[in-house]
Amino acid sequence: MTVTLTRRFGIATTALLLGTGLTLTACGSDDASESASDTTASSSASEQSYPRTVTIGDEDVELTAKPENIAVLSSDLASLVLPLTGGDNVAVAPEMTASGDLATELDKVGTKMAPSASIDAEQIMASSPDLVMISARHDFEKDAADQLRSFDIPVAVFSGDSWSGSEGIIDHIAEIADLVGEQEKGEELAADLTEQRDEIIARADGKDAPKTLGIWAHANQQMIGSKTLMLTGLIREAGGDPVVDHMDAQSMISADPEVIVKEAPEVIIVQTSSESGEDAFAELIDNPALKDVPAIKNDRVYYVDSSITGVGSGTAIIDGLDEVSEALFAE
């Protein structure tokens, strides 16, 4: 038997952030009302204080005004920028899988970038962005970042190695909120996600960490997730013991049956996507050579979707952490 996890952990704050914000209702004395007004005004002034310098990695990004026409070139960044700014303030974003409020804001973006192994810097500049944001994981992204720096606009380049796990996504919220001038929203969102994350992680207290294998599809091949893959980070955070942590390989490994038999995972978590559904993994999971692997023998194979367990999950990463936790400690 295999199980597809579908329960969702609600994120009320996300809906709030995509709306018009909070309305403060005065109560109590006039002094209290004036104090609240002063606090709001002070916060608003801080939000709009320009010029400002924001440090991303080891580089300073100089901003003369609040960005209102942002080109965000990576899905991991777009999934956090859109809840903070709304799609009306984003000129360019990648085509990406999205649902709910994120999908609504993505629909408002002026130009969608199709997946490609190259980025045309001049085409990006044609949208007249006042801020460009990019995660540099591959050589073509690093090259594009270098080209974009030659134009007279702020360019924020994020490392591609710092997004493994929900904590990494939460940590990036403050940087991104500072860049786009939405610090208050960023603080509220990070605090809400952190509270939910802590509650999920607490489920592992006092329990043994099950030896867990994460599998995903890459270029139509079934692979064991690397140590830095988001799914691996979620397994680690939720209290599992990722099989890959005990292997010498530093990158992706083919999910060959003999390797899986040797590692003998107690739990297998398969990451599906719109391109690779459960059927794409059936031949591997049903391979007779794996019938005595503890995870398969004991019906501990679970499926989670990349939209909530991938690097571009944004705030939905907490849903992914929730489902991974349920898989690890299912009764």
C-alpha atoms as a PDB file:
ATOM      1  CA  MET A   1       0.000   0.000   0.000  1.00  0.00           C
ATOM      2  CA  THR A   2       1.179   3.521  -0.724  1.00  0.00           C
ATOM      3  CA  VAL A   3      -0.227   6.680   0.759  1.00  0.00           C
ATOM      4  CA  THR A   4      -0.632  10.112  -0.778  1.00  0.00           C
ATOM      5  CA  LEU A   5      -0.620  12.830   1.844  1.00  0.00           C
ATOM      6  CA  THR A   6      -3.156  15.553   1.212  1.00  0.00           C
ATOM      7  CA  ARG A   7      -3.816  17.356   4.510  1.00  0.00           C
ATOM      8  CA  ARG A   8      -3.013  21.061   4.452  1.00  0.00           C
ATOM      9  CA  PHE A   9      -1.781  23.213   7.320  1.00  0.00           C
ATOM     10  CA  GLY A  10      -3.622  26.540   6.994  1.00  0.00           C
ATOM     11  CA  ILE A  11      -1.652  29.763   6.752  1.00  0.00           C
ATOM     12  CA  ALA A  12      -3.984  32.569   7.748  1.00  0.00           C
ATOM     13  CA  THR A  13      -1.264  35.195   7.584  1.00  0.00           C
ATOM     14  CA  THR A  14      -0.655  34.675   3.886  1.00  0.00           C
ATOM     15  CA  ALA A  15      -4.221  35.608   3.062  1.00  0.00           C
ATOM     16  CA  LEU A  16      -3.855  38.648   5.270  1.00  0.00           C
ATOM     17  CA  LEU A  17      -0.681  39.781   3.551  1.00  0.00           C
ATOM     18  CA  LEU A  18      -2.251  39.584   0.124  1.00  0.00           C
ATOM     19  CA  GLY A  19      -5.154  41.731   1.217  1.00  0.00           C
ATOM     20  CA  THR A  20      -5.237  45.378   2.126  1.00  0.00           C
ATOM     21  CA  GLY A  21      -3.669  44.919   5.558  1.00  0.00           C
ATOM     22  CA  LEU A  22      -4.924  45.463   9.086  1.00  0.00           C
ATOM     23  CA  THR A  23      -7.416  48.160  10.117  1.00  0.00           C
ATOM     24  CA  LEU A  24      -6.721  49.451  13.609  1.00  0.00           C
ATOM     25  CA  THR A  25      -9.821  50.224  15.688  1.00  0.00           C
ATOM     26  CA  ALA A  26      -9.257  52.760  18.463  1.00  0.00           C
ATOM     27  CA  CYS A  27     -10.336  51.902  21.992  1.00  0.00           C
ATOM     28  CA  GLY A  28      -9.522  53.446  25.340  1.00  0.00           C
ATOM     29  CA  SER A  29      -8.218  56.948  26.000  1.00  0.00           C
ATOM     30  CA  ASP A  30      -7.256  59.650  23.523  1.00  0.00           C
ATOM     31  CA  ASP A  31      -3.641  59.239  24.629  1.00  0.00           C
ATOM     32  CA  ALA A  32      -3.726  55.557  23.676  1.00  0.00           C
ATOM     33  CA  SER A  33      -5.224  56.498  20.318  1.00  0.00           C
ATOM     34  CA  GLU A  34      -2.540  59.099  19.706  1.00  0.00           C
ATOM     35  CA  SER A  35       0.157  56.630  20.768  1.00  0.00           C
ATOM     36  CA  ALA A  36      -1.141  54.023  18.302  1.00  0.00           C
ATOM     37  CA  SER A  37      -1.253  56.665  15.584  1.00  0.00           C
ATOM     38  CA  ASP A  38       2.316  57.745  16.349  1.00  0.00           C
ATOM     39  CA  THR A  39       3.484  54.128  16.273  1.00  0.00           C
ATOM     40  CA  THR A  40       1.786  53.531  12.929  1.00  0.00           C
ATOM     41  CA  ALA A  41       3.260  56.701  11.479  1.00  0.00           C
ATOM     42  CA  SER A  42       6.725  55.796  12.765  1.00  0.00           C
ATOM     43  CA  SER A  43       6.473  52.295  11.271  1.00  0.00           C
ATOM     44  CA  SER A  44       5.257  53.731   7.959  1.00  0.00           C
ATOM     45  CA  ALA A  45       8.126  56.246   7.897  1.00  0.00           C
ATOM     46  CA  SER A  46      10.605  53.450   8.573  1.00  0.00           C
ATOM     47  CA  GLU A  47       9.108  51.373   5.762  1.00  0.00           C
ATOM     48  CA  GLN A  48       9.488  54.275   3.324  1.00  0.00           C
ATOM     49  CA  SER A  49      12.956  55.451   4.426  1.00  0.00           C
ATOM     50  CA  TYR A  50      15.090  55.888   1.323  1.00  0.00           C
ATOM     51  CA  PRO A  51      17.749  55.817   0.054  1.00  0.00           C
ATOM     52  CA  ARG A  52      18.730  52.620   1.812  1.00  0.00           C
ATOM     53  CA  THR A  53      21.322  49.871   1.505  1.00  0.00           C
ATOM     54  CA  VAL A  54      20.350  46.211   1.817  1.00  0.00           C
ATOM     55  CA  THR A  55      23.068  43.579   2.156  1.00  0.00           C
ATOM     56  CA  ILE A  56      22.454  40.285   0.327  1.00  0.00           C
ATOM     57  CA  GLY A  57      25.217  37.765   0.920  1.00  0.00           C
ATOM     58  CA  ASP A  58      28.415  39.788   0.735  1.00  0.00           C
ATOM     59  CA  GLU A  59      27.055  42.435  -1.636  1.00  0.00           C
ATOM     60  CA  ASP A  60      25.297  45.729  -0.947  1.00  0.00           C
ATOM     61  CA  VAL A  61      22.216  46.652  -2.959  1.00  0.00           C
ATOM     62  CA  GLU A  62      21.586  50.401  -3.124  1.00  0.00           C
ATOM     63  CA  LEU A  63      17.938  51.464  -3.361  1.00  0.00           C
ATOM     64  CA  THR A  64      16.919  55.086  -3.990  1.00  0.00           C
ATOM     65  CA  ALA A  65      13.166  54.436  -3.691  1.00  0.00           C
ATOM     66  CA  LYS A  66      10.729  51.649  -2.897  1.00  0.00           C
ATOM     67  CA  PRO A  67      10.704  49.242  -5.867  1.00  0.00           C
ATOM     68  CA  GLU A  68       7.421  49.220  -7.751  1.00  0.00           C
ATOM     69  CA  ASN A  69       8.389  47.354 -10.935  1.00  0.00           C
ATOM     70  CA  ILE A  70      10.390  44.318  -9.867  1.00  0.00           C
ATOM     71  CA  ALA A  71      11.906  41.686 -12.153  1.00  0.00           C
ATOM     72  CA  VAL A  72      12.206  38.502 -10.096  1.00  0.00           C
ATOM     73  CA  LEU A  73      13.871  35.808 -12.181  1.00  0.00           C
ATOM     74  CA  SER A  74      13.803  32.734  -9.912  1.00  0.00           C
ATOM     75  CA  SER A  75      10.774  30.827  -8.663  1.00  0.00           C
ATOM     76  CA  ASP A  76      12.108  30.553  -5.108  1.00  0.00           C
ATOM     77  CA  LEU A  77      12.281  34.339  -4.868  1.00  0.00           C
ATOM     78  CA  ALA A  78       9.014  34.924  -6.750  1.00  0.00           C
ATOM     79  CA  SER A  79       7.138  32.683  -4.327  1.00  0.00           C
ATOM     80  CA  LEU A  80       8.079  35.073  -1.514  1.00  0.00           C
ATOM     81  CA  VAL A  81       8.061  38.402  -3.356  1.00  0.00           C
ATOM     82  CA  LEU A  82       4.496  37.991  -4.625  1.00  0.00           C
ATOM     83  CA  PRO A  83       2.885  37.511  -1.172  1.00  0.00           C
ATOM     84  CA  LEU A  84       4.768  40.584   0.068  1.00  0.00           C
ATOM     85  CA  THR A  85       4.261  43.023  -2.819  1.00  0.00           C
ATOM     86  CA  GLY A  86       1.401  41.619  -4.873  1.00  0.00           C
ATOM     87  CA  GLY A  87       1.659  40.895  -8.581  1.00  0.00           C
ATOM     88  CA  ASP A  88       0.890  44.470  -9.617  1.00  0.00           C
ATOM     89  CA  ASN A  89       4.360  45.479  -8.462  1.00  0.00           C
ATOM     90  CA  VAL A  90       6.164  42.689 -10.323  1.00  0.00           C
ATOM     91  CA  ALA A  91       7.104  43.286 -13.956  1.00  0.00           C
ATOM     92  CA  VAL A  92       8.695  39.884 -14.669  1.00  0.00           C
ATOM     93  CA  ALA A  93       8.406  36.512 -12.936  1.00  0.00           C
ATOM     94  CA  PRO A  94       9.029  32.893 -13.950  1.00  0.00           C
ATOM     95  CA  GLU A  95       6.281  30.594 -15.110  1.00  0.00           C
ATOM     96  CA  MET A  96       5.736  28.369 -12.087  1.00  0.00           C
ATOM     97  CA  THR A  97       3.230  26.032 -10.468  1.00  0.00           C
ATOM     98  CA  ALA A  98       1.083  28.021  -8.065  1.00  0.00           C
ATOM     99  CA  SER A  99      -2.292  27.784  -6.374  1.00  0.00           C
ATOM    100  CA  GLY A 100      -4.550  29.904  -4.195  1.00  0.00           C
ATOM    101  CA  ASP A 101      -3.437  33.450  -3.419  1.00  0.00           C
ATOM    102  CA  LEU A 102      -0.026  32.915  -5.000  1.00  0.00           C
ATOM    103  CA  ALA A 103      -1.646  31.972  -8.313  1.00  0.00           C
ATOM    104  CA  THR A 104      -3.885  35.050  -8.110  1.00  0.00           C
ATOM    105  CA  GLU A 105      -0.914  37.361  -7.687  1.00  0.00           C
ATOM    106  CA  LEU A 106       1.118  35.559 -10.343  1.00  0.00           C
ATOM    107  CA  ASP A 107      -1.685  36.214 -12.850  1.00  0.00           C
ATOM    108  CA  LYS A 108      -1.192  39.956 -12.338  1.00  0.00           C
ATOM    109  CA  VAL A 109       2.484  39.886 -13.359  1.00  0.00           C
ATOM    110  CA  GLY A 110       3.143  41.638 -16.665  1.00  0.00           C
ATOM    111  CA  THR A 111       5.608  39.171 -18.205  1.00  0.00           C
ATOM    112  CA  LYS A 112       6.117  35.476 -17.443  1.00  0.00           C
ATOM    113  CA  MET A 113       9.488  33.878 -18.202  1.00  0.00           C
ATOM    114  CA  ALA A 114       9.295  30.389 -19.676  1.00  0.00           C
ATOM    115  CA  PRO A 115      11.752  27.836 -18.228  1.00  0.00           C
ATOM    116  CA  SER A 116      15.017  28.081 -20.126  1.00  0.00           C
ATOM    117  CA  ALA A 117      18.741  27.425 -19.819  1.00  0.00           C
ATOM    118  CA  SER A 118      19.445  31.078 -20.544  1.00  0.00           C
ATOM    119  CA  ILE A 119      18.304  34.541 -19.489  1.00  0.00           C
ATOM    120  CA  ASP A 120      18.242  37.444 -21.957  1.00  0.00           C
ATOM    121  CA  ALA A 121      19.388  40.443 -19.909  1.00  0.00           C
ATOM    122  CA  GLU A 122      18.294  42.957 -22.548  1.00  0.00           C
ATOM    123  CA  GLN A 123      14.821  41.419 -22.676  1.00  0.00           C
ATOM    124  CA  ILE A 124      14.572  41.745 -18.902  1.00  0.00           C
ATOM    125  CA  MET A 125      15.629  45.390 -19.121  1.00  0.00           C
ATOM    126  CA  ALA A 126      12.904  46.042 -21.700  1.00  0.00           C
ATOM    127  CA  SER A 127      10.375  45.766 -18.858  1.00  0.00           C
ATOM    128  CA  SER A 128      12.049  48.792 -17.167  1.00  0.00           C
ATOM    129  CA  PRO A 129      12.530  47.146 -13.750  1.00  0.00           C
ATOM    130  CA  ASP A 130      13.622  49.224 -10.779  1.00  0.00           C
ATOM    131  CA  LEU A 131      14.977  46.110  -9.014  1.00  0.00           C
ATOM    132  CA  VAL A 132      16.156  42.745 -10.340  1.00  0.00           C
ATOM    133  CA  MET A 133      16.291  39.667  -8.095  1.00  0.00           C
ATOM    134  CA  ILE A 134      17.845  36.336  -9.047  1.00  0.00           C
ATOM    135  CA  SER A 135      19.062  33.123  -7.387  1.00  0.00           C
ATOM    136  CA  ALA A 136      22.347  32.072  -8.953  1.00  0.00           C
ATOM    137  CA  ARG A 137      22.404  28.283  -8.909  1.00  0.00           C
ATOM    138  CA  HIS A 138      23.663  27.630 -12.428  1.00  0.00           C
ATOM    139  CA  ASP A 139      26.307  29.175 -14.647  1.00  0.00           C
ATOM    140  CA  PHE A 140      23.733  30.795 -16.936  1.00  0.00           C
ATOM    141  CA  GLU A 141      22.121  32.518 -13.940  1.00  0.00           C
ATOM    142  CA  LYS A 142      25.480  33.754 -12.719  1.00  0.00           C
ATOM    143  CA  ASP A 143      26.284  35.047 -16.211  1.00  0.00           C
ATOM    144  CA  ALA A 144      22.931  36.823 -16.405  1.00  0.00           C
ATOM    145  CA  ALA A 145      23.534  38.413 -13.008  1.00  0.00           C
ATOM    146  CA  ASP A 146      26.880  39.761 -14.205  1.00  0.00           C
ATOM    147  CA  GLN A 147      25.250  41.227 -17.324  1.00  0.00           C
ATOM    148  CA  LEU A 148      22.412  42.809 -15.366  1.00  0.00           C
ATOM    149  CA  ARG A 149      24.875  44.470 -13.012  1.00  0.00           C
ATOM    150  CA  SER A 150      26.184  46.460 -15.989  1.00  0.00           C
ATOM    151  CA  PHE A 151      22.869  48.319 -16.207  1.00  0.00           C
ATOM    152  CA  ASP A 152      22.134  51.228 -13.934  1.00  0.00           C
ATOM    153  CA  ILE A 153      19.621  49.440 -11.683  1.00  0.00           C
ATOM    154  CA  PRO A 154      19.854  47.573  -8.365  1.00  0.00           C
ATOM    155  CA  VAL A 155      20.503  43.827  -8.761  1.00  0.00           C
ATOM    156  CA  ALA A 156      20.138  41.460  -5.794  1.00  0.00           C
ATOM    157  CA  VAL A 157      21.829  38.085  -6.290  1.00  0.00           C
ATOM    158  CA  PHE A 158      20.976  35.300  -3.848  1.00  0.00           C
ATOM    159  CA  SER A 159      23.051  32.183  -3.349  1.00  0.00           C
ATOM    160  CA  GLY A 160      21.384  29.050  -4.662  1.00  0.00           C
ATOM    161  CA  ASP A 161      22.763  26.933  -1.809  1.00  0.00           C
ATOM    162  CA  SER A 162      20.813  28.423   1.074  1.00  0.00           C
ATOM    163  CA  TRP A 163      17.251  27.201   0.493  1.00  0.00           C
ATOM    164  CA  SER A 164      17.387  23.676   1.940  1.00  0.00           C
ATOM    165  CA  GLY A 165      14.511  23.347   4.384  1.00  0.00           C
ATOM    166  CA  SER A 166      11.708  25.552   5.648  1.00  0.00           C
ATOM    167  CA  GLU A 167      14.085  27.435   7.942  1.00  0.00           C
ATOM    168  CA  GLY A 168      16.038  28.617   4.901  1.00  0.00           C
ATOM    169  CA  ILE A 169      12.884  30.001   3.300  1.00  0.00           C
ATOM    170  CA  ILE A 170      11.824  31.746   6.515  1.00  0.00           C
ATOM    171  CA  ASP A 171      15.292  33.236   6.925  1.00  0.00           C
ATOM    172  CA  HIS A 172      15.076  34.758   3.432  1.00  0.00           C
ATOM    173  CA  ILE A 173      11.794  36.533   4.139  1.00  0.00           C
ATOM    174  CA  ALA A 174      13.460  39.325   6.123  1.00  0.00           C
ATOM    175  CA  GLU A 175      16.026  40.002   3.378  1.00  0.00           C
ATOM    176  CA  ILE A 176      13.383  40.032   0.659  1.00  0.00           C
ATOM    177  CA  ALA A 177      10.975  42.167   2.692  1.00  0.00           C
ATOM    178  CA  ASP A 178      13.771  44.673   3.274  1.00  0.00           C
ATOM    179  CA  LEU A 179      14.517  44.788  -0.452  1.00  0.00           C
ATOM    180  CA  VAL A 180      10.919  45.365  -1.514  1.00  0.00           C
ATOM    181  CA  GLY A 181      10.103  47.768   1.314  1.00  0.00           C
ATOM    182  CA  GLU A 182       7.626  45.547   3.164  1.00  0.00           C
ATOM    183  CA  GLN A 183       9.428  44.931   6.453  1.00  0.00           C
ATOM    184  CA  GLU A 184       6.316  44.884   8.634  1.00  0.00           C
ATOM    185  CA  LYS A 185       4.597  42.310   6.425  1.00  0.00           C
ATOM    186  CA  GLY A 186       7.805  40.288   6.340  1.00  0.00           C
ATOM    187  CA  GLU A 187       8.074  40.248  10.126  1.00  0.00           C
ATOM    188  CA  GLU A 188       4.455  39.119  10.527  1.00  0.00           C
ATOM    189  CA  LEU A 189       4.805  36.417   7.907  1.00  0.00           C
ATOM    190  CA  ALA A 190       8.108  35.079   9.267  1.00  0.00           C
ATOM    191  CA  ALA A 191       6.730  35.006  12.813  1.00  0.00           C
ATOM    192  CA  ASP A 192       3.599  33.133  11.729  1.00  0.00           C
ATOM    193  CA  LEU A 193       5.548  30.555   9.713  1.00  0.00           C
ATOM    194  CA  THR A 194       8.087  30.085  12.514  1.00  0.00           C
ATOM    195  CA  GLU A 195       5.330  29.390  15.041  1.00  0.00           C
ATOM    196  CA  GLN A 196       3.794  26.759  12.765  1.00  0.00           C
ATOM    197  CA  ARG A 197       7.205  25.264  11.990  1.00  0.00           C
ATOM    198  CA  ASP A 198       8.034  24.913  15.686  1.00  0.00           C
ATOM    199  CA  GLU A 199       4.724  23.139  16.375  1.00  0.00           C
ATOM    200  CA  ILE A 200       5.374  20.630  13.583  1.00  0.00           C
ATOM    201  CA  ILE A 201       8.966  19.967  14.590  1.00  0.00           C
ATOM    202  CA  ALA A 202       7.872  19.355  18.190  1.00  0.00           C
ATOM    203  CA  ARG A 203       6.088  16.181  17.060  1.00  0.00           C
ATOM    204  CA  ALA A 204       9.484  14.475  16.852  1.00  0.00           C
ATOM    205  CA  ASP A 205      10.302  15.107  20.516  1.00  0.00           C
ATOM    206  CA  GLY A 206      11.141  11.870  22.285  1.00  0.00           C
ATOM    207  CA  LYS A 207      10.804   9.778  19.119  1.00  0.00           C
ATOM    208  CA  ASP A 208      13.438   7.840  17.228  1.00  0.00           C
ATOM    209  CA  ALA A 209      14.425   9.322  13.867  1.00  0.00           C
ATOM    210  CA  PRO A 210      13.317   6.889  11.134  1.00  0.00           C
ATOM    211  CA  LYS A 211      15.855   6.218   8.401  1.00  0.00           C
ATOM    212  CA  THR A 212      14.223   7.948   5.442  1.00  0.00           C
ATOM    213  CA  LEU A 213      14.835   7.906   1.700  1.00  0.00           C
ATOM    214  CA  GLY A 214      13.712  10.870  -0.378  1.00  0.00           C
ATOM    215  CA  ILE A 215      13.173  10.198  -4.092  1.00  0.00           C
ATOM    216  CA  TRP A 216      12.360  12.616  -6.879  1.00  0.00           C
ATOM    217  CA  ALA A 217      12.473  12.706 -10.674  1.00  0.00           C
ATOM    218  CA  HIS A 218      15.093  14.612 -12.631  1.00  0.00           C
ATOM    219  CA  ALA A 219      15.189  14.542 -16.429  1.00  0.00           C
ATOM    220  CA  ASN A 220      12.765  11.564 -16.372  1.00  0.00           C
ATOM    221  CA  GLN A 221      15.041   9.580 -14.070  1.00  0.00           C
ATOM    222  CA  GLN A 222      14.298   8.559 -10.487  1.00  0.00           C
ATOM    223  CA  MET A 223      16.931  10.038  -8.209  1.00  0.00           C
ATOM    224  CA  ILE A 224      17.819   9.976  -4.522  1.00  0.00           C
ATOM    225  CA  GLY A 225      17.621  13.527  -3.263  1.00  0.00           C
ATOM    226  CA  SER A 226      20.943  15.218  -2.590  1.00  0.00           C
ATOM    227  CA  LYS A 227      21.913  16.511   0.851  1.00  0.00           C
ATOM    228  CA  THR A 228      20.919  20.057  -0.139  1.00  0.00           C
ATOM    229  CA  LEU A 229      17.611  19.206  -1.846  1.00  0.00           C
ATOM    230  CA  MET A 230      14.651  20.946  -0.218  1.00  0.00           C
ATOM    231  CA  LEU A 231      12.892  17.609   0.413  1.00  0.00           C
ATOM    232  CA  THR A 232      15.976  16.296   2.219  1.00  0.00           C
ATOM    233  CA  GLY A 233      16.028  19.420   4.363  1.00  0.00           C
ATOM    234  CA  LEU A 234      12.374  18.921   5.274  1.00  0.00           C
ATOM    235  CA  ILE A 235      13.015  15.297   6.255  1.00  0.00           C
ATOM    236  CA  ARG A 236      15.874  16.440   8.466  1.00  0.00           C
ATOM    237  CA  GLU A 237      13.852  19.268  10.050  1.00  0.00           C
ATOM    238  CA  ALA A 238      10.822  17.092  10.731  1.00  0.00           C
ATOM    239  CA  GLY A 239      12.909  14.601  12.690  1.00  0.00           C
ATOM    240  CA  GLY A 240      13.852  11.998  10.102  1.00  0.00           C
ATOM    241  CA  ASP A 241      17.295  10.574   9.385  1.00  0.00           C
ATOM    242  CA  PRO A 242      17.930  11.125   5.643  1.00  0.00           C
ATOM    243  CA  VAL A 243      19.602   8.131   4.029  1.00  0.00           C
ATOM    244  CA  VAL A 244      21.686  10.453   1.856  1.00  0.00           C
ATOM    245  CA  ASP A 245      23.378  11.906   4.960  1.00  0.00           C
ATOM    246  CA  HIS A 246      25.149   8.570   5.375  1.00  0.00           C
ATOM    247  CA  MET A 247      26.309   8.343   1.760  1.00  0.00           C
ATOM    248  CA  ASP A 248      29.518   9.738   0.284  1.00  0.00           C
ATOM    249  CA  ALA A 249      27.870  11.325  -2.747  1.00  0.00           C
ATOM    250  CA  GLN A 250      27.651  15.124  -2.711  1.00  0.00           C
ATOM    251  CA  SER A 251      25.050  15.425  -5.472  1.00  0.00           C
ATOM    252  CA  MET A 252      22.157  13.471  -6.953  1.00  0.00           C
ATOM    253  CA  ILE A 253      22.333   9.672  -6.990  1.00  0.00           C
ATOM    254  CA  SER A 254      20.414   7.333  -9.246  1.00  0.00           C
ATOM    255  CA  ALA A 255      17.702   5.523  -7.292  1.00  0.00           C
ATOM    256  CA  ASP A 256      18.906   2.069  -8.302  1.00  0.00           C
ATOM    257  CA  PRO A 257      17.202  -0.868  -6.545  1.00  0.00           C
ATOM    258  CA  GLU A 258      20.512  -2.266  -5.284  1.00  0.00           C
ATOM    259  CA  VAL A 259      21.302   1.051  -3.582  1.00  0.00           C
ATOM    260  CA  ILE A 260      17.874   1.172  -1.933  1.00  0.00           C
ATOM    261  CA  VAL A 261      18.192  -2.455  -0.749  1.00  0.00           C
ATOM    262  CA  LYS A 262      21.608  -1.687   0.737  1.00  0.00           C
ATOM    263  CA  GLU A 263      20.401   1.406   2.592  1.00  0.00           C
ATOM    264  CA  ALA A 264      17.187  -0.302   3.832  1.00  0.00           C
ATOM    265  CA  PRO A 265      15.127   2.827   4.596  1.00  0.00           C
ATOM    266  CA  GLU A 266      12.282   2.581   7.102  1.00  0.00           C
ATOM    267  CA  VAL A 267      10.340   5.312   5.280  1.00  0.00           C
ATOM    268  CA  ILE A 268      10.344   6.355   1.624  1.00  0.00           C
ATOM    269  CA  ILE A 269       9.012   9.782   0.649  1.00  0.00           C
ATOM    270  CA  VAL A 270       8.494  10.342  -3.074  1.00  0.00           C
ATOM    271  CA  GLN A 271       8.276  13.888  -4.416  1.00  0.00           C
ATOM    272  CA  THR A 272       5.853  14.126  -7.322  1.00  0.00           C
ATOM    273  CA  SER A 273       5.250  17.010  -9.717  1.00  0.00           C
ATOM    274  CA  SER A 274       3.084  17.976 -12.655  1.00  0.00           C
ATOM    275  CA  GLU A 275       5.616  16.236 -14.906  1.00  0.00           C
ATOM    276  CA  SER A 276       6.189  13.159 -12.733  1.00  0.00           C
ATOM    277  CA  GLY A 277       3.156  11.818 -10.912  1.00  0.00           C
ATOM    278  CA  GLU A 278       2.910   8.681  -8.810  1.00  0.00           C
ATOM    279  CA  ASP A 279       2.767   6.504 -11.917  1.00  0.00           C
ATOM    280  CA  ALA A 280       6.259   7.651 -12.896  1.00  0.00           C
ATOM    281  CA  PHE A 281       7.647   5.885  -9.820  1.00  0.00           C
ATOM    282  CA  ALA A 282       5.507   2.735  -9.955  1.00  0.00           C
ATOM    283  CA  GLU A 283       8.074   0.576 -11.735  1.00  0.00           C
ATOM    284  CA  LEU A 284      10.707   1.402  -9.128  1.00  0.00           C
ATOM    285  CA  ILE A 285       8.497   1.027  -6.044  1.00  0.00           C
ATOM    286  CA  ASP A 286       6.925  -2.193  -7.336  1.00  0.00           C
ATOM    287  CA  ASN A 287      10.270  -3.768  -8.266  1.00  0.00           C
ATOM    288  CA  PRO A 288      10.307  -7.291  -6.727  1.00  0.00           C
ATOM    289  CA  ALA A 289      13.894  -6.713  -5.620  1.00  0.00           C
ATOM    290  CA  LEU A 290      12.617  -4.125  -3.116  1.00  0.00           C
ATOM    291  CA  LYS A 291       9.866  -6.206  -1.508  1.00  0.00           C
ATOM    292  CA  ASP A 292      11.865  -6.766   1.697  1.00  0.00           C
ATOM    293  CA  VAL A 293      13.000  -3.159   2.084  1.00  0.00           C
ATOM    294  CA  PRO A 294      11.428  -2.123   5.438  1.00  0.00           C
ATOM    295  CA  ALA A 295       9.625   0.926   4.019  1.00  0.00           C
ATOM    296  CA  ILE A 296       7.963  -1.127   1.303  1.00  0.00           C
ATOM    297  CA  LYS A 297       7.383  -4.244   3.393  1.00  0.00           C
ATOM    298  CA  ASN A 298       5.658  -2.159   6.074  1.00  0.00           C
ATOM    299  CA  ASP A 299       3.649   0.081   3.725  1.00  0.00           C
ATOM    300  CA  ARG A 300       5.666   3.196   4.594  1.00  0.00           C
ATOM    301  CA  VAL A 301       5.860   4.773   1.118  1.00  0.00           C
ATOM    302  CA  TYR A 302       4.359   8.268   0.908  1.00  0.00           C
ATOM    303  CA  TYR A 303       3.908  10.818  -1.871  1.00  0.00           C
ATOM    304  CA  VAL A 304       4.221  14.582  -1.474  1.00  0.00           C
ATOM    305  CA  ASP A 305       3.868  17.237  -4.153  1.00  0.00           C
ATOM    306  CA  SER A 306       6.777  19.446  -5.240  1.00  0.00           C
ATOM    307  CA  SER A 307       4.514  22.517  -5.062  1.00  0.00           C
ATOM    308  CA  ILE A 308       4.758  22.329  -1.258  1.00  0.00           C
ATOM    309  CA  THR A 309       8.107  20.536  -0.834  1.00  0.00           C
ATOM    310  CA  GLY A 310      10.212  22.179  -3.544  1.00  0.00           C
ATOM    311  CA  VAL A 311      12.475  25.197  -3.531  1.00  0.00           C
ATOM    312  CA  GLY A 312       9.748  27.349  -5.106  1.00  0.00           C
ATOM    313  CA  SER A 313       7.088  26.482  -2.508  1.00  0.00           C
ATOM    314  CA  GLY A 314       7.271  29.814  -0.729  1.00  0.00           C
ATOM    315  CA  THR A 315       5.003  30.026   2.327  1.00  0.00           C
ATOM    316  CA  ALA A 316       3.430  26.677   1.361  1.00  0.00           C
ATOM    317  CA  ILE A 317       6.663  25.012   2.513  1.00  0.00           C
ATOM    318  CA  ILE A 318       5.033  24.718   5.949  1.00  0.00           C
ATOM    319  CA  ASP A 319       2.355  22.496   4.368  1.00  0.00           C
ATOM    320  CA  GLY A 320       5.168  20.387   2.967  1.00  0.00           C
ATOM    321  CA  LEU A 321       6.925  20.135   6.331  1.00  0.00           C
ATOM    322  CA  ASP A 322       3.594  19.119   7.871  1.00  0.00           C
ATOM    323  CA  GLU A 323       3.092  16.302   5.364  1.00  0.00           C
ATOM    324  CA  VAL A 324       6.676  15.065   5.718  1.00  0.00           C
ATOM    325  CA  SER A 325       6.234  15.000   9.502  1.00  0.00           C
ATOM    326  CA  GLU A 326       3.010  12.998   9.135  1.00  0.00           C
ATOM    327  CA  ALA A 327       4.810  10.503   6.908  1.00  0.00           C
ATOM    328  CA  LEU A 328       7.689  10.068   9.351  1.00  0.00           C
ATOM    329  CA  PHE A 329       5.527   9.512  12.400  1.00  0.00           C
ATOM    330  CA  ALA A 330       2.352   8.007  10.943  1.00  0.00           C
ATOM    331  CA  GLU A 331       0.712   5.552  13.304  1.00  0.00           C
END
